[in-house]
C-alpha atoms as a PDB file:
ATOM      1  CA  MET A   1     153.257 113.688 101.644  1.00  0.00           C
ATOM      2  CA  GLY A   2     154.951 115.162  98.597  1.00  0.00           C
ATOM      3  CA  GLY A   3     158.536 114.551  99.725  1.00  0.00           C
ATOM      4  CA  ASN A   4     159.088 118.029 101.171  1.00  0.00           C
ATOM      5  CA  LEU A   5     158.834 117.311 104.892  1.00  0.00           C
ATOM      6  CA  PHE A   6     162.587 116.859 105.406  1.00  0.00           C
ATOM      7  CA  ASN A   7     163.745 119.157 102.561  1.00  0.00           C
ATOM      8  CA  LEU A   8     165.464 116.321 100.712  1.00  0.00           C
ATOM      9  CA  PRO A   9     166.398 116.436  97.003  1.00  0.00           C
ATOM     10  CA  ARG A  10     164.614 114.193  94.529  1.00  0.00           C
ATOM     11  CA  MET A  11     166.218 110.774  94.173  1.00  0.00           C
ATOM     12  CA  PRO A  12     167.284 109.294  90.808  1.00  0.00           C
ATOM     13  CA  ARG A  13     165.388 106.239  89.626  1.00  0.00           C
ATOM     14  CA  ALA A  14     168.140 103.641  90.160  1.00  0.00           C
ATOM     15  CA  ALA A  15     168.762 104.711  93.764  1.00  0.00           C
ATOM     16  CA  TYR A  16     165.028 104.766  94.487  1.00  0.00           C
ATOM     17  CA  LEU A  17     164.489 101.247  93.100  1.00  0.00           C
ATOM     18  CA  GLU A  18     167.341  99.959  95.241  1.00  0.00           C
ATOM     19  CA  ARG A  19     165.692 101.345  98.384  1.00  0.00           C
ATOM     20  CA  GLU A  20     162.239 100.144  97.373  1.00  0.00           C
ATOM     21  CA  ASN A  21     163.537  96.612  96.893  1.00  0.00           C
ATOM     22  CA  GLU A  22     165.262  96.676 100.299  1.00  0.00           C
ATOM     23  CA  LEU A  23     162.116  97.897 102.045  1.00  0.00           C
ATOM     24  CA  ARG A  24     159.870  95.467 100.190  1.00  0.00           C
ATOM     25  CA  VAL A  25     162.011  92.482 101.252  1.00  0.00           C
ATOM     26  CA  TYR A  26     162.075  93.694 104.861  1.00  0.00           C
ATOM     27  CA  LEU A  27     158.341  94.440 105.031  1.00  0.00           C
ATOM     28  CA  GLU A  28     157.357  91.115 103.480  1.00  0.00           C
ATOM     29  CA  GLN A  29     159.129  89.430 106.389  1.00  0.00           C
ATOM     30  CA  LYS A  30     157.768  91.899 108.952  1.00  0.00           C
ATOM     31  CA  LEU A  31     154.191  92.453 107.758  1.00  0.00           C
ATOM     32  CA  GLY A  32     153.495  89.677 105.283  1.00  0.00           C
ATOM     33  CA  THR A  33     150.764  90.844 102.900  1.00  0.00           C
ATOM     34  CA  GLY A  34     149.721  93.724 105.161  1.00  0.00           C
ATOM     35  CA  PHE A  35     151.317  96.481 103.099  1.00  0.00           C
ATOM     36  CA  ARG A  36     151.321  97.982  99.614  1.00  0.00           C
ATOM     37  CA  ILE A  37     153.688 100.294  97.712  1.00  0.00           C
ATOM     38  CA  PRO A  38     151.768 102.202  94.996  1.00  0.00           C
ATOM     39  CA  ARG A  39     152.907 101.624  91.420  1.00  0.00           C
ATOM     40  CA  PHE A  40     154.441 104.231  89.107  1.00  0.00           C
ATOM     41  CA  TYR A  41     155.015 104.516  85.358  1.00  0.00           C
ATOM     42  CA  ALA A  42     158.090 102.549  84.286  1.00  0.00           C
ATOM     43  CA  SER A  43     160.203 105.425  82.925  1.00  0.00           C
ATOM     44  CA  LYS A  44     159.729 107.777  85.883  1.00  0.00           C
ATOM     45  CA  PRO A  45     163.158 109.442  86.174  1.00  0.00           C
ATOM     46  CA  ASP A  46     163.230 110.483  89.827  1.00  0.00           C
ATOM     47  CA  PHE A  47     161.215 110.429  93.042  1.00  0.00           C
ATOM     48  CA  GLY A  48     160.440 112.881  95.824  1.00  0.00           C
ATOM     49  CA  ASP A  49     159.406 110.202  98.309  1.00  0.00           C
ATOM     50  CA  MET A  50     158.062 106.677  98.740  1.00  0.00           C
ATOM     51  CA  ASP A  51     154.569 105.955 100.015  1.00  0.00           C
ATOM     52  CA  ILE A  52     153.935 102.712 101.881  1.00  0.00           C
ATOM     53  CA  LEU A  53     150.408 101.741 102.884  1.00  0.00           C
ATOM     54  CA  VAL A  54     150.213  99.584 106.005  1.00  0.00           C
ATOM     55  CA  SER A  55     147.130  97.705 107.128  1.00  0.00           C
ATOM     56  CA  THR A  56     146.125  99.075 110.533  1.00  0.00           C
ATOM     57  CA  ARG A  57     146.720  96.742 113.466  1.00  0.00           C
ATOM     58  CA  ALA A  58     146.368  97.048 117.234  1.00  0.00           C
ATOM     59  CA  ASP A  59     150.126  97.324 117.811  1.00  0.00           C
ATOM     60  CA  TRP A  60     150.874  99.747 114.964  1.00  0.00           C
ATOM     61  CA  GLN A  61     151.820 102.679 117.239  1.00  0.00           C
ATOM     62  CA  SER A  62     154.652 100.693 118.810  1.00  0.00           C
ATOM     63  CA  LEU A  63     155.422  98.628 115.705  1.00  0.00           C
ATOM     64  CA  ARG A  64     156.211 101.664 113.548  1.00  0.00           C
ATOM     65  CA  PHE A  65     159.025 102.691 115.899  1.00  0.00           C
ATOM     66  CA  GLU A  66     160.254  99.095 115.971  1.00  0.00           C
ATOM     67  CA  ILE A  67     160.412  99.184 112.165  1.00  0.00           C
ATOM     68  CA  ALA A  68     162.323 102.471 112.254  1.00  0.00           C
ATOM     69  CA  LYS A  69     164.824 101.070 114.743  1.00  0.00           C
ATOM     70  CA  GLU A  70     165.405  97.877 112.755  1.00  0.00           C
ATOM     71  CA  LEU A  71     165.932  99.885 109.555  1.00  0.00           C
ATOM     72  CA  GLY A  72     168.364 102.267 111.238  1.00  0.00           C
ATOM     73  CA  ILE A  73     165.997 105.225 110.786  1.00  0.00           C
ATOM     74  CA  THR A  74     166.654 108.156 113.112  1.00  0.00           C
ATOM     75  CA  GLN A  75     164.526 110.909 111.533  1.00  0.00           C
ATOM     76  CA  THR A  76     160.794 110.490 112.036  1.00  0.00           C
ATOM     77  CA  ARG A  77     157.740 112.685 112.202  1.00  0.00           C
ATOM     78  CA  ILE A  78     154.053 111.914 112.750  1.00  0.00           C
ATOM     79  CA  VAL A  79     151.419 113.926 110.866  1.00  0.00           C
ATOM     80  CA  GLY A  80     147.923 112.572 111.453  1.00  0.00           C
ATOM     81  CA  HIS A  81     147.819 108.932 110.311  1.00  0.00           C
ATOM     82  CA  VAL A  82     151.119 109.261 108.410  1.00  0.00           C
ATOM     83  CA  PHE A  83     154.425 108.150 109.924  1.00  0.00           C
ATOM     84  CA  SER A  84     157.115 109.979 107.942  1.00  0.00           C
ATOM     85  CA  THR A  85     160.724 108.829 108.020  1.00  0.00           C
ATOM     86  CA  VAL A  86     164.033 109.219 106.219  1.00  0.00           C
ATOM     87  CA  TYR A  87     165.511 105.965 104.915  1.00  0.00           C
ATOM     88  CA  LYS A  88     168.897 106.342 103.234  1.00  0.00           C
ATOM     89  CA  GLU A  89     168.227 109.983 102.232  1.00  0.00           C
ATOM     90  CA  LEU A  90     164.726 109.217 100.905  1.00  0.00           C
ATOM     91  CA  GLN A  91     161.532 110.368 102.594  1.00  0.00           C
ATOM     92  CA  VAL A  92     159.426 107.287 103.254  1.00  0.00           C
ATOM     93  CA  ASP A  93     155.845 107.830 104.413  1.00  0.00           C
ATOM     94  CA  PHE A  94     153.962 104.985 106.099  1.00  0.00           C
ATOM     95  CA  PHE A  95     150.185 105.429 105.809  1.00  0.00           C
ATOM     96  CA  SER A  96     148.055 103.596 108.374  1.00  0.00           C
ATOM     97  CA  VAL A  97     145.070 102.205 106.445  1.00  0.00           C
ATOM     98  CA  GLU A  98     142.030 100.218 107.564  1.00  0.00           C
ATOM     99  CA  PRO A  99     142.367  96.658 106.185  1.00  0.00           C
ATOM    100  CA  GLN A 100     139.278  96.930 103.952  1.00  0.00           C
ATOM    101  CA  HIS A 101     140.682 100.106 102.381  1.00  0.00           C
ATOM    102  CA  LEU A 102     144.220  98.834 101.729  1.00  0.00           C
ATOM    103  CA  GLU A 103     143.622  97.611  98.171  1.00  0.00           C
ATOM    104  CA  PRO A 104     141.382 100.476  96.947  1.00  0.00           C
ATOM    105  CA  MET A 105     143.784 103.051  98.388  1.00  0.00           C
ATOM    106  CA  TYR A 106     146.691 101.273  96.684  1.00  0.00           C
ATOM    107  CA  ASN A 107     144.813 101.387  93.378  1.00  0.00           C
ATOM    108  CA  TYR A 108     143.920 105.058  93.792  1.00  0.00           C
ATOM    109  CA  MET A 109     147.459 106.151  94.684  1.00  0.00           C
ATOM    110  CA  SER A 110     149.162 104.203  91.883  1.00  0.00           C
ATOM    111  CA  PHE A 111     150.497 105.961  88.768  1.00  0.00           C
ATOM    112  CA  ASN A 112     150.857 109.494  90.114  1.00  0.00           C
ATOM    113  CA  ASP A 113     147.629 111.448  89.609  1.00  0.00           C
ATOM    114  CA  LEU A 114     145.836 108.893  87.450  1.00  0.00           C
ATOM    115  CA  GLY A 115     143.317 108.330  90.259  1.00  0.00           C
ATOM    116  CA  ASN A 116     142.647 112.058  90.303  1.00  0.00           C
ATOM    117  CA  ILE A 117     142.034 112.121  86.542  1.00  0.00           C
ATOM    118  CA  ILE A 118     139.702 109.114  86.733  1.00  0.00           C
ATOM    119  CA  GLY A 119     137.891 110.746  89.642  1.00  0.00           C
ATOM    120  CA  LYS A 120     137.103 113.825  87.578  1.00  0.00           C
ATOM    121  CA  ILE A 121     135.342 111.681  84.984  1.00  0.00           C
ATOM    122  CA  PHE A 122     133.213 109.999  87.635  1.00  0.00           C
ATOM    123  CA  ARG A 123     132.050 113.284  89.148  1.00  0.00           C
ATOM    124  CA  ARG A 124     129.726 113.859  86.184  1.00  0.00           C
ATOM    125  CA  PHE A 125     127.760 110.829  87.397  1.00  0.00           C
ATOM    126  CA  ASN A 126     127.605 112.157  90.955  1.00  0.00           C
ATOM    127  CA  LEU A 127     130.149 109.475  91.826  1.00  0.00           C
ATOM    128  CA  LYS A 128     133.341 109.872  93.827  1.00  0.00           C
ATOM    129  CA  TYR A 129     136.416 107.804  93.058  1.00  0.00           C
ATOM    130  CA  GLY A 130     139.068 107.967  95.753  1.00  0.00           C
ATOM    131  CA  GLU A 131     140.989 106.157  98.455  1.00  0.00           C
ATOM    132  CA  PHE A 132     137.946 104.100  99.495  1.00  0.00           C
ATOM    133  CA  GLY A 133     136.999 103.056  95.969  1.00  0.00           C
ATOM    134  CA  LEU A 134     133.887 104.238  94.137  1.00  0.00           C
ATOM    135  CA  SER A 135     130.968 105.791  96.011  1.00  0.00           C
ATOM    136  CA  TYR A 136     127.766 107.674  95.232  1.00  0.00           C
ATOM    137  CA  MET A 137     127.560 111.189  96.676  1.00  0.00           C
ATOM    138  CA  TYR A 138     124.156 111.381  98.327  1.00  0.00           C
ATOM    139  CA  ARG A 139     122.855 114.836  99.268  1.00  0.00           C
ATOM    140  CA  ARG A 140     119.592 115.602 101.019  1.00  0.00           C
ATOM    141  CA  ALA A 141     117.162 117.859  99.188  1.00  0.00           C
ATOM    142  CA  SER A 142     116.010 119.313 102.506  1.00  0.00           C
ATOM    143  CA  ASN A 143     119.474 119.957 103.934  1.00  0.00           C
ATOM    144  CA  GLU A 144     122.349 120.948 101.657  1.00  0.00           C
ATOM    145  CA  HIS A 145     124.834 120.407 104.489  1.00  0.00           C
ATOM    146  CA  TYR A 146     124.014 116.695 104.847  1.00  0.00           C
ATOM    147  CA  LYS A 147     126.379 114.532 102.810  1.00  0.00           C
ATOM    148  CA  GLN A 148     126.797 110.778 102.728  1.00  0.00           C
ATOM    149  CA  ASP A 149     129.033 108.738 100.435  1.00  0.00           C
ATOM    150  CA  LEU A 150     127.301 105.462  99.634  1.00  0.00           C
ATOM    151  CA  PRO A 151     129.708 102.616  98.729  1.00  0.00           C
ATOM    152  CA  VAL A 152     129.419 101.380  95.146  1.00  0.00           C
ATOM    153  CA  SER A 153     132.504  99.300  94.296  1.00  0.00           C
ATOM    154  CA  THR A 154     136.149  98.580  95.107  1.00  0.00           C
ATOM    155  CA  ASP A 155     136.592  96.237  92.122  1.00  0.00           C
ATOM    156  CA  MET A 156     139.079  98.098  89.913  1.00  0.00           C
ATOM    157  CA  GLN A 157     138.266  96.169  86.750  1.00  0.00           C
ATOM    158  CA  GLN A 158     134.568  96.840  87.233  1.00  0.00           C
ATOM    159  CA  ILE A 159     135.261 100.510  87.968  1.00  0.00           C
ATOM    160  CA  LEU A 160     137.308 100.949  84.784  1.00  0.00           C
ATOM    161  CA  GLU A 161     134.826  99.022  82.638  1.00  0.00           C
ATOM    162  CA  PHE A 162     132.089 101.433  83.701  1.00  0.00           C
ATOM    163  CA  LEU A 163     134.112 104.192  82.019  1.00  0.00           C
ATOM    164  CA  GLY A 164     134.650 102.092  78.917  1.00  0.00           C
ATOM    165  CA  LEU A 165     138.348 101.618  79.700  1.00  0.00           C
ATOM    166  CA  ASP A 166     140.222  98.387  79.011  1.00  0.00           C
ATOM    167  CA  ALA A 167     141.586  97.271  82.386  1.00  0.00           C
ATOM    168  CA  THR A 168     144.481  95.295  80.853  1.00  0.00           C
ATOM    169  CA  PRO A 169     146.877  98.255  80.313  1.00  0.00           C
ATOM    170  CA  TRP A 170     146.210  99.419  83.865  1.00  0.00           C
ATOM    171  CA  GLN A 171     146.922  95.942  85.222  1.00  0.00           C
ATOM    172  CA  GLN A 172     150.140  95.638  83.181  1.00  0.00           C
ATOM    173  CA  GLY A 173     151.330  99.145  84.024  1.00  0.00           C
ATOM    174  CA  PHE A 174     152.387 102.097  81.887  1.00  0.00           C
ATOM    175  CA  ASP A 175     155.816 102.844  80.450  1.00  0.00           C
ATOM    176  CA  THR A 176     155.363 106.614  80.157  1.00  0.00           C
ATOM    177  CA  LEU A 177     153.036 109.379  81.252  1.00  0.00           C
ATOM    178  CA  ASP A 178     151.945 109.932  77.645  1.00  0.00           C
ATOM    179  CA  GLN A 179     150.986 106.250  77.358  1.00  0.00           C
ATOM    180  CA  MET A 180     148.931 106.622  80.526  1.00  0.00           C
ATOM    181  CA  PHE A 181     147.324 109.838  79.274  1.00  0.00           C
ATOM    182  CA  ASN A 182     146.447 108.313  75.895  1.00  0.00           C
ATOM    183  CA  TRP A 183     144.832 105.382  77.691  1.00  0.00           C
ATOM    184  CA  VAL A 184     142.634 107.423  80.029  1.00  0.00           C
ATOM    185  CA  ILE A 185     141.296 109.774  77.354  1.00  0.00           C
ATOM    186  CA  GLU A 186     139.970 106.721  75.519  1.00  0.00           C
ATOM    187  CA  SER A 187     137.155 106.613  78.057  1.00  0.00           C
ATOM    188  CA  LYS A 188     133.884 107.306  76.264  1.00  0.00           C
ATOM    189  CA  TYR A 189     133.069 109.721  79.068  1.00  0.00           C
ATOM    190  CA  PHE A 190     136.336 111.670  79.135  1.00  0.00           C
ATOM    191  CA  SER A 191     135.867 115.415  78.669  1.00  0.00           C
ATOM    192  CA  VAL A 192     138.371 118.265  78.650  1.00  0.00           C
ATOM    193  CA  ALA A 193     135.864 120.498  80.465  1.00  0.00           C
ATOM    194  CA  PRO A 194     137.424 120.186  83.962  1.00  0.00           C
ATOM    195  CA  TYR A 195     140.805 121.192  82.548  1.00  0.00           C
ATOM    196  CA  PHE A 196     139.774 124.173  80.454  1.00  0.00           C
ATOM    197  CA  ASP A 197     136.475 125.507  81.791  1.00  0.00           C
ATOM    198  CA  GLU A 198     137.514 126.398  85.352  1.00  0.00           C
ATOM    199  CA  SER A 199     138.480 129.951  86.201  1.00  0.00           C
ATOM    200  CA  ILE A 200     142.115 130.638  85.261  1.00  0.00           C
ATOM    201  CA  ILE A 201     143.113 131.455  88.841  1.00  0.00           C
ATOM    202  CA  LYS A 202     141.586 128.273  90.264  1.00  0.00           C
ATOM    203  CA  LEU A 203     143.021 126.116  87.483  1.00  0.00           C
ATOM    204  CA  GLU A 204     146.536 127.579  87.727  1.00  0.00           C
ATOM    205  CA  LYS A 205     146.582 127.131  91.508  1.00  0.00           C
ATOM    206  CA  ARG A 206     145.589 123.467  91.224  1.00  0.00           C
ATOM    207  CA  LEU A 207     148.062 122.713  88.428  1.00  0.00           C
ATOM    208  CA  GLU A 208     150.865 124.452  90.285  1.00  0.00           C
ATOM    209  CA  THR A 209     150.569 122.042  93.222  1.00  0.00           C
ATOM    210  CA  ARG A 210     150.146 118.901  91.082  1.00  0.00           C
ATOM    211  CA  PRO A 211     152.986 118.525  88.518  1.00  0.00           C
ATOM    212  CA  THR A 212     151.429 115.459  86.872  1.00  0.00           C
ATOM    213  CA  MET A 213     148.160 117.335  86.403  1.00  0.00           C
ATOM    214  CA  GLN A 214     150.140 120.156  84.781  1.00  0.00           C
ATOM    215  CA  ARG A 215     151.739 117.595  82.468  1.00  0.00           C
ATOM    216  CA  PHE A 216     148.290 116.221  81.625  1.00  0.00           C
ATOM    217  CA  HIS A 217     146.955 119.701  80.896  1.00  0.00           C
ATOM    218  CA  ASP A 218     149.941 120.332  78.608  1.00  0.00           C
ATOM    219  CA  PHE A 219     149.363 116.957  76.930  1.00  0.00           C
ATOM    220  CA  LEU A 220     145.759 117.908  76.131  1.00  0.00           C
ATOM    221  CA  VAL A 221     146.854 121.253  74.677  1.00  0.00           C
ATOM    222  CA  GLN A 222     149.800 119.925  72.656  1.00  0.00           C
ATOM    223  CA  ASN A 223     147.749 117.085  71.171  1.00  0.00           C
ATOM    224  CA  ASN A 224     144.748 119.308  70.508  1.00  0.00           C
ATOM    225  CA  ILE A 225     142.451 117.050  72.517  1.00  0.00           C
ATOM    226  CA  GLN A 226     138.971 118.623  72.463  1.00  0.00           C
ATOM    227  CA  LYS A 227     136.718 115.748  73.542  1.00  0.00           C
ATOM    228  CA  ARG A 228     133.510 116.817  75.263  1.00  0.00           C
ATOM    229  CA  VAL A 229     130.463 114.833  76.344  1.00  0.00           C
ATOM    230  CA  ASP A 230     126.849 115.980  76.580  1.00  0.00           C
ATOM    231  CA  PHE A 231     126.088 114.702  80.063  1.00  0.00           C
ATOM    232  CA  LEU A 232     122.635 114.569  81.629  1.00  0.00           C
ATOM    233  CA  GLU A 233     121.954 116.041  85.055  1.00  0.00           C
ATOM    234  CA  ARG A 234     123.970 114.177  87.677  1.00  0.00           C
ATOM    235  CA  HIS A 235     120.946 112.678  89.444  1.00  0.00           C
ATOM    236  CA  ALA A 236     119.683 111.178  86.167  1.00  0.00           C
ATOM    237  CA  TYR A 237     122.262 108.372  86.300  1.00  0.00           C
ATOM    238  CA  ILE A 238     121.140 106.649  89.497  1.00  0.00           C
ATOM    239  CA  GLU A 239     119.467 103.626  87.863  1.00  0.00           C
ATOM    240  CA  PHE A 240     122.245 103.381  85.279  1.00  0.00           C
ATOM    241  CA  ILE A 241     124.816 103.156  88.087  1.00  0.00           C
ATOM    242  CA  ALA A 242     122.689 100.709  90.080  1.00  0.00           C
ATOM    243  CA  ASN A 243     122.441  98.397  87.047  1.00  0.00           C
ATOM    244  CA  ALA A 244     126.178  98.619  86.382  1.00  0.00           C
ATOM    245  CA  PHE A 245     127.024  97.766  90.002  1.00  0.00           C
ATOM    246  CA  PRO A 246     124.138  95.516  91.163  1.00  0.00           C
ATOM    247  CA  GLU A 247     126.069  94.223  94.190  1.00  0.00           C
ATOM    248  CA  SER A 248     126.136  97.772  95.606  1.00  0.00           C
ATOM    249  CA  LYS A 249     122.350  97.756  96.102  1.00  0.00           C
ATOM    250  CA  LEU A 250     122.515 101.478  95.449  1.00  0.00           C
ATOM    251  CA  LEU A 251     118.755 101.989  95.093  1.00  0.00           C
ATOM    252  CA  GLU A 252     118.193 100.334  98.472  1.00  0.00           C
ATOM    253  CA  GLN A 253     120.896 102.513 100.035  1.00  0.00           C
ATOM    254  CA  ILE A 254     119.269 105.633  98.620  1.00  0.00           C
ATOM    255  CA  LYS A 255     115.817 104.581  99.860  1.00  0.00           C
ATOM    256  CA  GLN A 256     117.268 104.097 103.322  1.00  0.00           C
ATOM    257  CA  GLN A 257     118.809 107.577 103.199  1.00  0.00           C
ATOM    258  CA  GLN A 258     115.515 109.057 102.049  1.00  0.00           C
ATOM    259  CA  SER A 259     113.753 107.351 104.961  1.00  0.00           C
ATOM    260  CA  LEU A 260     116.284 108.841 107.372  1.00  0.00           C
ATOM    261  CA  GLU A 261     115.726 112.230 105.764  1.00  0.00           C
ATOM    262  CA  GLN A 262     111.974 112.001 106.338  1.00  0.00           C
ATOM    263  CA  GLN A 263     112.631 111.113 109.968  1.00  0.00           C
ATOM    264  CA  ALA A 264     114.942 114.116 110.295  1.00  0.00           C
ATOM    265  CA  ILE A 265     112.276 116.399 108.823  1.00  0.00           C
ATOM    266  CA  ALA A 266     109.631 114.990 111.171  1.00  0.00           C
ATOM    267  CA  PHE A 267     111.981 115.399 114.132  1.00  0.00           C
ATOM    268  CA  ALA A 268     112.800 119.029 113.227  1.00  0.00           C
ATOM    269  CA  GLU A 269     109.103 119.859 112.940  1.00  0.00           C
ATOM    270  CA  LYS A 270     108.508 118.659 116.509  1.00  0.00           C
ATOM    271  CA  PHE A 271     111.679 119.756 118.311  1.00  0.00           C
ATOM    272  CA  SER A 272     114.305 122.427 117.665  1.00  0.00           C
ATOM    273  CA  GLY A 273     116.202 125.192 119.382  1.00  0.00           C
ATOM    274  CA  GLN A 274     113.788 127.695 117.849  1.00  0.00           C
ATOM    275  CA  LEU A 275     110.869 125.879 119.481  1.00  0.00           C
ATOM    276  CA  VAL A 276     112.561 125.997 122.891  1.00  0.00           C
ATOM    277  CA  MET A 277     113.282 129.719 122.519  1.00  0.00           C
ATOM    278  CA  ARG A 278     109.681 130.394 121.559  1.00  0.00           C
ATOM    279  CA  LEU A 279     108.343 128.516 124.572  1.00  0.00           C
ATOM    280  CA  ARG A 280     111.073 129.612 126.990  1.00  0.00           C
ATOM    281  CA  PRO A 281     112.100 133.124 125.851  1.00  0.00           C
ATOM    282  CA  GLU A 282     114.120 133.657 129.047  1.00  0.00           C
ATOM    283  CA  LEU A 283     116.691 131.149 127.754  1.00  0.00           C
ATOM    284  CA  GLU A 284     119.468 132.244 125.436  1.00  0.00           C
ATOM    285  CA  GLY A 285     123.110 131.590 124.716  1.00  0.00           C
ATOM    286  CA  LYS A 286     124.799 129.124 127.072  1.00  0.00           C
ATOM    287  CA  ALA A 287     121.670 128.834 129.198  1.00  0.00           C
ATOM    288  CA  LEU A 288     119.718 127.665 126.154  1.00  0.00           C
ATOM    289  CA  GLY A 289     122.362 125.086 125.271  1.00  0.00           C
ATOM    290  CA  ALA A 290     122.485 123.801 128.848  1.00  0.00           C
ATOM    291  CA  PHE A 291     118.709 123.479 128.951  1.00  0.00           C
ATOM    292  CA  ILE A 292     118.568 121.478 125.715  1.00  0.00           C
ATOM    293  CA  THR A 293     121.337 119.157 126.943  1.00  0.00           C
ATOM    294  CA  GLN A 294     119.514 118.610 130.253  1.00  0.00           C
ATOM    295  CA  PHE A 295     116.194 118.093 128.489  1.00  0.00           C
ATOM    296  CA  LYS A 296     117.599 115.444 126.148  1.00  0.00           C
ATOM    297  CA  ALA A 297     119.279 113.623 129.037  1.00  0.00           C
ATOM    298  CA  GLN A 298     115.848 112.657 130.418  1.00  0.00           C
ATOM    299  CA  PHE A 299     115.370 110.093 127.659  1.00  0.00           C
ATOM    300  CA  THR A 300     117.189 106.891 126.764  1.00  0.00           C
ATOM    301  CA  ASN A 301     116.629 107.569 123.068  1.00  0.00           C
ATOM    302  CA  PHE A 302     115.639 111.192 122.612  1.00  0.00           C
ATOM    303  CA  GLU A 303     115.074 111.016 118.845  1.00  0.00           C
ATOM    304  CA  THR A 304     112.750 108.021 119.158  1.00  0.00           C
ATOM    305  CA  TRP A 305     110.784 109.760 121.935  1.00  0.00           C
ATOM    306  CA  VAL A 306     110.295 112.886 119.804  1.00  0.00           C
ATOM    307  CA  LEU A 307     109.159 110.888 116.756  1.00  0.00           C
ATOM    308  CA  GLU A 308     106.694 108.829 118.809  1.00  0.00           C
ATOM    309  CA  THR A 309     105.307 111.698 120.907  1.00  0.00           C
ATOM    310  CA  GLY A 310     102.694 114.258 119.939  1.00  0.00           C
ATOM    311  CA  ALA A 311     103.758 117.872 119.431  1.00  0.00           C
ATOM    312  CA  THR A 312     101.484 119.121 122.235  1.00  0.00           C
ATOM    313  CA  GLU A 313     103.032 116.739 124.776  1.00  0.00           C
ATOM    314  CA  ILE A 314     106.556 117.701 123.708  1.00  0.00           C
ATOM    315  CA  GLU A 315     105.807 121.399 124.176  1.00  0.00           C
ATOM    316  CA  GLN A 316     104.266 120.713 127.598  1.00  0.00           C
ATOM    317  CA  ARG A 317     107.404 118.833 128.708  1.00  0.00           C
ATOM    318  CA  ILE A 318     109.561 121.743 127.585  1.00  0.00           C
ATOM    319  CA  LEU A 319     107.463 124.179 129.631  1.00  0.00           C
ATOM    320  CA  GLU A 320     107.568 121.927 132.706  1.00  0.00           C
ATOM    321  CA  THR A 321     111.289 121.155 132.667  1.00  0.00           C
END
């Protein structure tokens, strides 16, 4: 949450570590293995807050207040799926996370904005690296508004190896930001393009809100890092990705999406709001919407009926309804 919700000052490292240890001991007894606290580089001098990821459970809504009471917490606030608190003058944010996403979200949120930096490298492959792991960003050719992220991997070692990064330093942790920066730019696919080729206004706005990204930008400038990669078009990497992550069955996922797209095209050719307006010009606005809702309600599975019915019969039913 950034540590600004309760307007608290940043906390020195020693005081933060004391509170983290206290909370870790308590939560291990309370939640067992159902929580994670993202890692940070060893020499980080101070902290704005502490993030704690909690595996979602049926009683979480009541349990979070039980935790607050047992820890002597009196200041709390709920923003979406985040339960924000103040524990001994430190903002502590509890994130409710689906069990299958606990580990990938922990990996993504560790080491400040490292996940963000890694994610920018993956985007050149039409891949998204984030809180749910690595996914392929599928977009329909016939509908630019349709987007579907197809799961590829949550195996961090596998994800890093794809980029040509040695997973060992990441597993052991980093002492400093510069050590972390030097490690990530060793990726054979790292390019400075996202950090220097954006418009100045857009870049400055993004860096202003992400201090670690500003530090990384400064690191690239000060060390005269100029690495660039001649990438192919994003869609050209599909088979390469599928071979690198065979368990994802990416090609099969894409074929399934393409099949759904063809069904959507066939459906739109046989039924649409434009068709109803052409056949029933007296309908418009709310009346048109009400008619379409009523028309669809006649069928147990409207989409299946449209796909299996001839266009002439569909038009006749519209006229008769």
